[in-house]
PDB file of N, CA and C in Angstrom:
ATOM      1  N   MET A   1     298.897 131.460 221.475  1.00  0.00           N
ATOM      2  CA  MET A   1     299.927 132.396 221.073  1.00  0.00           C
ATOM      3  C   MET A   1     301.009 131.674 220.257  1.00  0.00           C
ATOM      4  N   MET A   2     301.355 130.468 220.655  1.00  0.00           N
ATOM      5  CA  MET A   2     302.388 129.734 219.940  1.00  0.00           C
ATOM      6  C   MET A   2     301.928 129.351 218.534  1.00  0.00           C
ATOM      7  N   VAL A   3     300.649 129.012 218.390  1.00  0.00           N
ATOM      8  CA  VAL A   3     300.110 128.667 217.074  1.00  0.00           C
ATOM      9  C   VAL A   3     300.150 129.881 216.157  1.00  0.00           C
ATOM     10  N   ALA A   4     299.816 131.038 216.698  1.00  0.00           N
ATOM     11  CA  ALA A   4     299.853 132.262 215.903  1.00  0.00           C
ATOM     12  C   ALA A   4     301.276 132.577 215.447  1.00  0.00           C
ATOM     13  N   ARG A   5     302.243 132.389 216.329  1.00  0.00           N
ATOM     14  CA  ARG A   5     303.640 132.633 215.968  1.00  0.00           C
ATOM     15  C   ARG A   5     304.110 131.637 214.909  1.00  0.00           C
ATOM     16  N   THR A   6     303.687 130.386 215.038  1.00  0.00           N
ATOM     17  CA  THR A   6     304.050 129.372 214.049  1.00  0.00           C
ATOM     18  C   THR A   6     303.496 129.736 212.682  1.00  0.00           C
ATOM     19  N   GLU A   7     302.255 130.191 212.651  1.00  0.00           N
ATOM     20  CA  GLU A   7     301.641 130.626 211.390  1.00  0.00           C
ATOM     21  C   GLU A   7     302.408 131.811 210.800  1.00  0.00           C
ATOM     22  N   ASP A   8     302.824 132.745 211.657  1.00  0.00           N
ATOM     23  CA  ASP A   8     303.593 133.901 211.189  1.00  0.00           C
ATOM     24  C   ASP A   8     304.938 133.474 210.603  1.00  0.00           C
ATOM     25  N   VAL A   9     305.618 132.558 211.286  1.00  0.00           N
ATOM     26  CA  VAL A   9     306.912 132.075 210.800  1.00  0.00           C
ATOM     27  C   VAL A   9     306.735 131.346 209.474  1.00  0.00           C
ATOM     28  N   LEU A  10     305.698 130.529 209.364  1.00  0.00           N
ATOM     29  CA  LEU A  10     305.439 129.826 208.104  1.00  0.00           C
ATOM     30  C   LEU A  10     305.142 130.806 206.970  1.00  0.00           C
ATOM     31  N   SER A  11     304.343 131.814 207.251  1.00  0.00           N
ATOM     32  CA  SER A  11     304.018 132.805 206.223  1.00  0.00           C
ATOM     33  C   SER A  11     305.276 133.536 205.753  1.00  0.00           C
ATOM     34  N   PHE A  12     306.114 133.923 206.704  1.00  0.00           N
ATOM     35  CA  PHE A  12     307.356 134.613 206.341  1.00  0.00           C
ATOM     36  C   PHE A  12     308.283 133.695 205.561  1.00  0.00           C
ATOM     37  N   THR A  13     308.382 132.432 205.976  1.00  0.00           N
ATOM     38  CA  THR A  13     309.254 131.487 205.292  1.00  0.00           C
ATOM     39  C   THR A  13     308.745 131.205 203.887  1.00  0.00           C
ATOM     40  N   GLU A  14     307.435 131.107 203.716  1.00  0.00           N
ATOM     41  CA  GLU A  14     306.865 130.936 202.375  1.00  0.00           C
ATOM     42  C   GLU A  14     307.184 132.135 201.493  1.00  0.00           C
ATOM     43  N   PHE A  15     307.123 133.320 202.070  1.00  0.00           N
ATOM     44  CA  PHE A  15     307.444 134.537 201.330  1.00  0.00           C
ATOM     45  C   PHE A  15     308.903 134.533 200.874  1.00  0.00           C
ATOM     46  N   VAL A  16     309.810 134.198 201.788  1.00  0.00           N
ATOM     47  CA  VAL A  16     311.235 134.178 201.461  1.00  0.00           C
ATOM     48  C   VAL A  16     311.527 133.088 200.425  1.00  0.00           C
ATOM     49  N   ALA A  17     310.893 131.931 200.569  1.00  0.00           N
ATOM     50  CA  ALA A  17     311.095 130.838 199.614  1.00  0.00           C
ATOM     51  C   ALA A  17     310.595 131.240 198.227  1.00  0.00           C
ATOM     52  N   GLU A  18     309.475 131.935 198.174  1.00  0.00           N
ATOM     53  CA  GLU A  18     308.950 132.381 196.880  1.00  0.00           C
ATOM     54  C   GLU A  18     309.860 133.438 196.264  1.00  0.00           C
ATOM     55  N   PHE A  19     310.454 134.263 197.095  1.00  0.00           N
ATOM     56  CA  PHE A  19     311.376 135.281 196.595  1.00  0.00           C
ATOM     57  C   PHE A  19     312.661 134.645 196.073  1.00  0.00           C
ATOM     58  N   ALA A  20     313.179 133.667 196.813  1.00  0.00           N
ATOM     59  CA  ALA A  20     314.438 133.028 196.422  1.00  0.00           C
ATOM     60  C   ALA A  20     314.259 132.059 195.260  1.00  0.00           C
ATOM     61  N   LEU A  21     313.144 131.332 195.258  1.00  0.00           N
ATOM     62  CA  LEU A  21     312.865 130.338 194.221  1.00  0.00           C
ATOM     63  C   LEU A  21     311.484 130.637 193.639  1.00  0.00           C
ATOM     64  N   PRO A  22     311.382 131.597 192.736  1.00  0.00           N
ATOM     65  CA  PRO A  22     310.064 132.044 192.262  1.00  0.00           C
ATOM     66  C   PRO A  22     309.313 130.982 191.459  1.00  0.00           C
ATOM     67  N   THR A  23     308.003 131.149 191.431  1.00  0.00           N
ATOM     68  CA  THR A  23     307.134 130.253 190.679  1.00  0.00           C
ATOM     69  C   THR A  23     307.342 130.473 189.191  1.00  0.00           C
ATOM     70  N   ASP A  24     307.481 129.385 188.458  1.00  0.00           N
ATOM     71  CA  ASP A  24     307.609 129.428 187.006  1.00  0.00           C
ATOM     72  C   ASP A  24     306.217 129.211 186.424  1.00  0.00           C
ATOM     73  N   GLY A  25     305.689 130.205 185.752  1.00  0.00           N
ATOM     74  CA  GLY A  25     304.334 130.120 185.202  1.00  0.00           C
ATOM     75  C   GLY A  25     304.178 129.088 184.101  1.00  0.00           C
ATOM     76  N   THR A  26     305.265 128.675 183.501  1.00  0.00           N
ATOM     77  CA  THR A  26     305.181 127.681 182.436  1.00  0.00           C
ATOM     78  C   THR A  26     305.338 126.258 182.959  1.00  0.00           C
ATOM     79  N   CYS A  27     305.728 126.117 184.224  1.00  0.00           N
ATOM     80  CA  CYS A  27     305.938 124.795 184.812  1.00  0.00           C
ATOM     81  C   CYS A  27     304.617 124.265 185.369  1.00  0.00           C
ATOM     82  N   GLU A  28     304.225 123.101 184.898  1.00  0.00           N
ATOM     83  CA  GLU A  28     302.960 122.503 185.315  1.00  0.00           C
ATOM     84  C   GLU A  28     302.973 122.135 186.798  1.00  0.00           C
ATOM     85  N   GLU A  29     304.113 121.668 187.299  1.00  0.00           N
ATOM     86  CA  GLU A  29     304.219 121.294 188.709  1.00  0.00           C
ATOM     87  C   GLU A  29     304.045 122.505 189.614  1.00  0.00           C
ATOM     88  N   ASP A  30     304.608 123.653 189.221  1.00  0.00           N
ATOM     89  CA  ASP A  30     304.470 124.862 190.031  1.00  0.00           C
ATOM     90  C   ASP A  30     303.016 125.312 190.103  1.00  0.00           C
ATOM     91  N   MET A  31     302.302 125.201 189.004  1.00  0.00           N
ATOM     92  CA  MET A  31     300.903 125.633 188.996  1.00  0.00           C
ATOM     93  C   MET A  31     300.038 124.706 189.859  1.00  0.00           C
ATOM     94  N   LYS A  32     300.291 123.401 189.798  1.00  0.00           N
ATOM     95  CA  LYS A  32     299.570 122.463 190.660  1.00  0.00           C
ATOM     96  C   LYS A  32     299.903 122.712 192.123  1.00  0.00           C
ATOM     97  N   GLU A  33     301.144 123.042 192.361  1.00  0.00           N
ATOM     98  CA  GLU A  33     301.601 123.330 193.715  1.00  0.00           C
ATOM     99  C   GLU A  33     300.859 124.528 194.303  1.00  0.00           C
ATOM    100  N   LEU A  34     300.651 125.567 193.508  1.00  0.00           N
ATOM    101  CA  LEU A  34     299.920 126.740 193.979  1.00  0.00           C
ATOM    102  C   LEU A  34     298.479 126.386 194.331  1.00  0.00           C
ATOM    103  N   GLU A  35     297.871 125.502 193.555  1.00  0.00           N
ATOM    104  CA  GLU A  35     296.507 125.080 193.855  1.00  0.00           C
ATOM    105  C   GLU A  35     296.441 124.322 195.174  1.00  0.00           C
ATOM    106  N   THR A  36     297.388 123.430 195.399  1.00  0.00           N
ATOM    107  CA  THR A  36     297.373 122.661 196.651  1.00  0.00           C
ATOM    108  C   THR A  36     297.673 123.546 197.850  1.00  0.00           C
ATOM    109  N   VAL A  37     298.520 124.556 197.670  1.00  0.00           N
ATOM    110  CA  VAL A  37     298.810 125.483 198.766  1.00  0.00           C
ATOM    111  C   VAL A  37     297.542 126.226 199.160  1.00  0.00           C
ATOM    112  N   ASP A  38     296.768 126.669 198.179  1.00  0.00           N
ATOM    113  CA  ASP A  38     295.524 127.361 198.476  1.00  0.00           C
ATOM    114  C   ASP A  38     294.528 126.451 199.183  1.00  0.00           C
ATOM    115  N   GLU A  39     294.452 125.187 198.751  1.00  0.00           N
ATOM    116  CA  GLU A  39     293.526 124.244 199.364  1.00  0.00           C
ATOM    117  C   GLU A  39     293.961 123.864 200.777  1.00  0.00           C
ATOM    118  N   ASP A  40     295.259 123.717 200.998  1.00  0.00           N
ATOM    119  CA  ASP A  40     295.781 123.240 202.270  1.00  0.00           C
ATOM    120  C   ASP A  40     296.048 124.349 203.277  1.00  0.00           C
ATOM    121  N   HIS A  41     295.805 125.585 202.907  1.00  0.00           N
ATOM    122  CA  HIS A  41     296.106 126.713 203.796  1.00  0.00           C
ATOM    123  C   HIS A  41     295.330 126.614 205.112  1.00  0.00           C
ATOM    124  N   ALA A  42     294.113 126.142 205.072  1.00  0.00           N
ATOM    125  CA  ALA A  42     293.283 126.059 206.277  1.00  0.00           C
ATOM    126  C   ALA A  42     293.482 124.754 207.050  1.00  0.00           C
ATOM    127  N   LYS A  43     294.316 123.847 206.556  1.00  0.00           N
ATOM    128  CA  LYS A  43     294.479 122.541 207.200  1.00  0.00           C
ATOM    129  C   LYS A  43     295.452 122.555 208.374  1.00  0.00           C
ATOM    130  N   GLY A  44     296.176 123.622 208.559  1.00  0.00           N
ATOM    131  CA  GLY A  44     297.061 123.709 209.709  1.00  0.00           C
ATOM    132  C   GLY A  44     298.521 123.905 209.351  1.00  0.00           C
ATOM    133  N   ALA A  45     299.285 124.164 210.401  1.00  0.00           N
ATOM    134  CA  ALA A  45     300.694 124.504 210.222  1.00  0.00           C
ATOM    135  C   ALA A  45     301.520 123.309 209.760  1.00  0.00           C
ATOM    136  N   LEU A  46     301.199 122.120 210.236  1.00  0.00           N
ATOM    137  CA  LEU A  46     301.983 120.949 209.864  1.00  0.00           C
ATOM    138  C   LEU A  46     301.875 120.652 208.369  1.00  0.00           C
ATOM    139  N   VAL A  47     300.677 120.751 207.821  1.00  0.00           N
ATOM    140  CA  VAL A  47     300.473 120.509 206.385  1.00  0.00           C
ATOM    141  C   VAL A  47     301.176 121.592 205.571  1.00  0.00           C
ATOM    142  N   ARG A  48     301.091 122.842 206.040  1.00  0.00           N
ATOM    143  CA  ARG A  48     301.776 123.926 205.341  1.00  0.00           C
ATOM    144  C   ARG A  48     303.283 123.738 205.358  1.00  0.00           C
ATOM    145  N   ALA A  49     303.832 123.288 206.487  1.00  0.00           N
ATOM    146  CA  ALA A  49     305.279 123.068 206.594  1.00  0.00           C
ATOM    147  C   ALA A  49     305.727 121.936 205.672  1.00  0.00           C
ATOM    148  N   LYS A  50     304.943 120.876 205.577  1.00  0.00           N
ATOM    149  CA  LYS A  50     305.283 119.776 204.671  1.00  0.00           C
ATOM    150  C   LYS A  50     305.254 120.237 203.219  1.00  0.00           C
ATOM    151  N   ASN A  51     304.243 121.013 202.863  1.00  0.00           N
ATOM    152  CA  ASN A  51     304.157 121.539 201.496  1.00  0.00           C
ATOM    153  C   ASN A  51     305.331 122.466 201.196  1.00  0.00           C
ATOM    154  N   LEU A  52     305.714 123.271 202.173  1.00  0.00           N
ATOM    155  CA  LEU A  52     306.839 124.191 201.993  1.00  0.00           C
ATOM    156  C   LEU A  52     308.135 123.418 201.797  1.00  0.00           C
ATOM    157  N   ARG A  53     308.342 122.358 202.560  1.00  0.00           N
ATOM    158  CA  ARG A  53     309.547 121.540 202.427  1.00  0.00           C
ATOM    159  C   ARG A  53     309.618 120.912 201.043  1.00  0.00           C
ATOM    160  N   LYS A  54     308.494 120.389 200.559  1.00  0.00           N
ATOM    161  CA  LYS A  54     308.471 119.774 199.228  1.00  0.00           C
ATOM    162  C   LYS A  54     308.759 120.812 198.145  1.00  0.00           C
ATOM    163  N   MET A  55     308.157 121.997 198.299  1.00  0.00           N
ATOM    164  CA  MET A  55     308.344 123.048 197.306  1.00  0.00           C
ATOM    165  C   MET A  55     309.806 123.490 197.240  1.00  0.00           C
ATOM    166  N   VAL A  56     310.406 123.741 198.387  1.00  0.00           N
ATOM    167  CA  VAL A  56     311.780 124.234 198.414  1.00  0.00           C
ATOM    168  C   VAL A  56     312.743 123.177 197.890  1.00  0.00           C
ATOM    169  N   SER A  57     312.527 121.922 198.251  1.00  0.00           N
ATOM    170  CA  SER A  57     313.450 120.890 197.767  1.00  0.00           C
ATOM    171  C   SER A  57     313.311 120.682 196.268  1.00  0.00           C
ATOM    172  N   ARG A  58     312.089 120.711 195.737  1.00  0.00           N
ATOM    173  CA  ARG A  58     311.896 120.509 194.299  1.00  0.00           C
ATOM    174  C   ARG A  58     312.438 121.687 193.496  1.00  0.00           C
ATOM    175  N   ARG A  59     312.088 122.902 193.917  1.00  0.00           N
ATOM    176  CA  ARG A  59     312.565 124.075 193.183  1.00  0.00           C
ATOM    177  C   ARG A  59     314.062 124.287 193.360  1.00  0.00           C
ATOM    178  N   GLY A  60     314.585 123.997 194.543  1.00  0.00           N
ATOM    179  CA  GLY A  60     316.018 124.122 194.774  1.00  0.00           C
ATOM    180  C   GLY A  60     316.805 123.149 193.917  1.00  0.00           C
ATOM    181  N   LYS A  61     316.293 121.928 193.802  1.00  0.00           N
ATOM    182  CA  LYS A  61     316.955 120.931 192.958  1.00  0.00           C
ATOM    183  C   LYS A  61     316.938 121.378 191.506  1.00  0.00           C
ATOM    184  N   ARG A  62     315.807 121.920 191.068  1.00  0.00           N
ATOM    185  CA  ARG A  62     315.709 122.405 189.689  1.00  0.00           C
ATOM    186  C   ARG A  62     316.680 123.561 189.456  1.00  0.00           C
ATOM    187  N   LYS A  63     316.811 124.439 190.439  1.00  0.00           N
ATOM    188  CA  LYS A  63     317.729 125.578 190.310  1.00  0.00           C
ATOM    189  C   LYS A  63     319.176 125.106 190.266  1.00  0.00           C
ATOM    190  N   LEU A  64     319.541 124.164 191.142  1.00  0.00           N
ATOM    191  CA  LEU A  64     320.909 123.656 191.140  1.00  0.00           C
ATOM    192  C   LEU A  64     321.238 122.912 189.861  1.00  0.00           C
ATOM    193  N   MET A  65     320.276 122.187 189.313  1.00  0.00           N
ATOM    194  CA  MET A  65     320.520 121.448 188.079  1.00  0.00           C
ATOM    195  C   MET A  65     320.641 122.376 186.873  1.00  0.00           C
ATOM    196  N   SER A  66     320.185 123.616 187.004  1.00  0.00           N
ATOM    197  CA  SER A  66     320.286 124.554 185.892  1.00  0.00           C
ATOM    198  C   SER A  66     321.691 125.138 185.750  1.00  0.00           C
ATOM    199  N   TYR A  67     322.498 125.034 186.796  1.00  0.00           N
ATOM    200  CA  TYR A  67     323.861 125.542 186.721  1.00  0.00           C
ATOM    201  C   TYR A  67     324.725 124.585 185.905  1.00  0.00           C
ATOM    202  N   THR A  68     325.626 125.148 185.140  1.00  0.00           N
ATOM    203  CA  THR A  68     326.531 124.321 184.345  1.00  0.00           C
ATOM    204  C   THR A  68     327.898 124.285 185.021  1.00  0.00           C
ATOM    205  N   PRO A  69     328.565 123.163 184.956  1.00  0.00           N
ATOM    206  CA  PRO A  69     329.892 123.091 185.580  1.00  0.00           C
ATOM    207  C   PRO A  69     330.919 123.909 184.801  1.00  0.00           C
ATOM    208  N   ILE A  70     331.924 124.330 185.484  1.00  0.00           N
ATOM    209  CA  ILE A  70     333.005 125.076 184.855  1.00  0.00           C
ATOM    210  C   ILE A  70     333.833 124.093 184.041  1.00  0.00           C
ATOM    211  N   LYS A  71     334.066 124.420 182.774  1.00  0.00           N
ATOM    212  CA  LYS A  71     334.743 123.491 181.879  1.00  0.00           C
ATOM    213  C   LYS A  71     336.065 124.035 181.353  1.00  0.00           C
ATOM    214  N   PHE A  72     336.695 124.871 182.099  1.00  0.00           N
ATOM    215  CA  PHE A  72     337.995 125.354 181.667  1.00  0.00           C
ATOM    216  C   PHE A  72     338.956 125.288 182.855  1.00  0.00           C
ATOM    217  N   SER A  73     340.193 125.287 182.546  1.00  0.00           N
ATOM    218  CA  SER A  73     341.207 125.273 183.589  1.00  0.00           C
ATOM    219  C   SER A  73     342.256 126.316 183.253  1.00  0.00           C
ATOM    220  N   VAL A  74     342.988 126.668 184.237  1.00  0.00           N
ATOM    221  CA  VAL A  74     344.041 127.665 184.055  1.00  0.00           C
ATOM    222  C   VAL A  74     345.368 126.985 184.336  1.00  0.00           C
ATOM    223  N   ASP A  75     346.244 127.011 183.347  1.00  0.00           N
ATOM    224  CA  ASP A  75     347.590 126.471 183.527  1.00  0.00           C
ATOM    225  C   ASP A  75     348.531 127.637 183.824  1.00  0.00           C
ATOM    226  N   THR A  76     349.188 127.546 184.925  1.00  0.00           N
ATOM    227  CA  THR A  76     350.101 128.606 185.323  1.00  0.00           C
ATOM    228  C   THR A  76     351.529 128.091 185.201  1.00  0.00           C
ATOM    229  N   VAL A  77     352.308 128.811 184.470  1.00  0.00           N
ATOM    230  CA  VAL A  77     353.712 128.452 184.304  1.00  0.00           C
ATOM    231  C   VAL A  77     354.535 129.548 184.944  1.00  0.00           C
ATOM    232  N   CYS A  78     355.310 129.158 185.908  1.00  0.00           N
ATOM    233  CA  CYS A  78     356.167 130.130 186.586  1.00  0.00           C
ATOM    234  C   CYS A  78     357.574 130.014 185.996  1.00  0.00           C
ATOM    235  N   GLY A  79     357.891 130.880 185.115  1.00  0.00           N
ATOM    236  CA  GLY A  79     359.208 130.864 184.498  1.00  0.00           C
ATOM    237  C   GLY A  79     360.145 131.785 185.229  1.00  0.00           C
ATOM    238  N   GLY A  80     361.385 131.358 185.384  1.00  0.00           N
ATOM    239  CA  GLY A  80     362.400 132.201 185.985  1.00  0.00           C
ATOM    240  C   GLY A  80     362.430 132.167 187.505  1.00  0.00           C
ATOM    241  N   LEU A  81     361.577 131.402 188.124  1.00  0.00           N
ATOM    242  CA  LEU A  81     361.595 131.303 189.575  1.00  0.00           C
ATOM    243  C   LEU A  81     362.410 130.089 189.971  1.00  0.00           C
ATOM    244  N   GLU A  82     363.269 130.306 190.896  1.00  0.00           N
ATOM    245  CA  GLU A  82     364.104 129.195 191.358  1.00  0.00           C
ATOM    246  C   GLU A  82     363.635 128.788 192.756  1.00  0.00           C
ATOM    247  N   LEU A  83     363.606 127.517 192.960  1.00  0.00           N
ATOM    248  CA  LEU A  83     363.257 127.008 194.278  1.00  0.00           C
ATOM    249  C   LEU A  83     364.517 126.937 195.110  1.00  0.00           C
ATOM    250  N   LEU A  84     364.453 127.410 196.269  1.00  0.00           N
ATOM    251  CA  LEU A  84     365.626 127.406 197.161  1.00  0.00           C
ATOM    252  C   LEU A  84     365.633 126.213 198.030  1.00  0.00           C
TER     253      LEU A  84
END
C-alpha cells in the first residue's frame, strides 16, 4: 500500500512540475529527459524521484535565469515637509 501511495505522489508531483515548468520542444535536454523518464518509469520510485529532482532543478534554474533584474530606481523628493 505504501509503494502504491508513493507512486501516486510521484505521478502527481511530476504532473505539477510539468505544469509549472513545461517541456520546451526546442530544447535538446528536455527531449532527452523525456526519453529517460519513459525508460526509467518501470525502474521504481527512487529512480523516478531522482529524475524528478534533476528535472525541476534544471528547469527551475533556466526559468530563474530568464528573469531580468529591475534596472530603474525611484527618487522621491519630499518638498515642504518639516521634520519635528
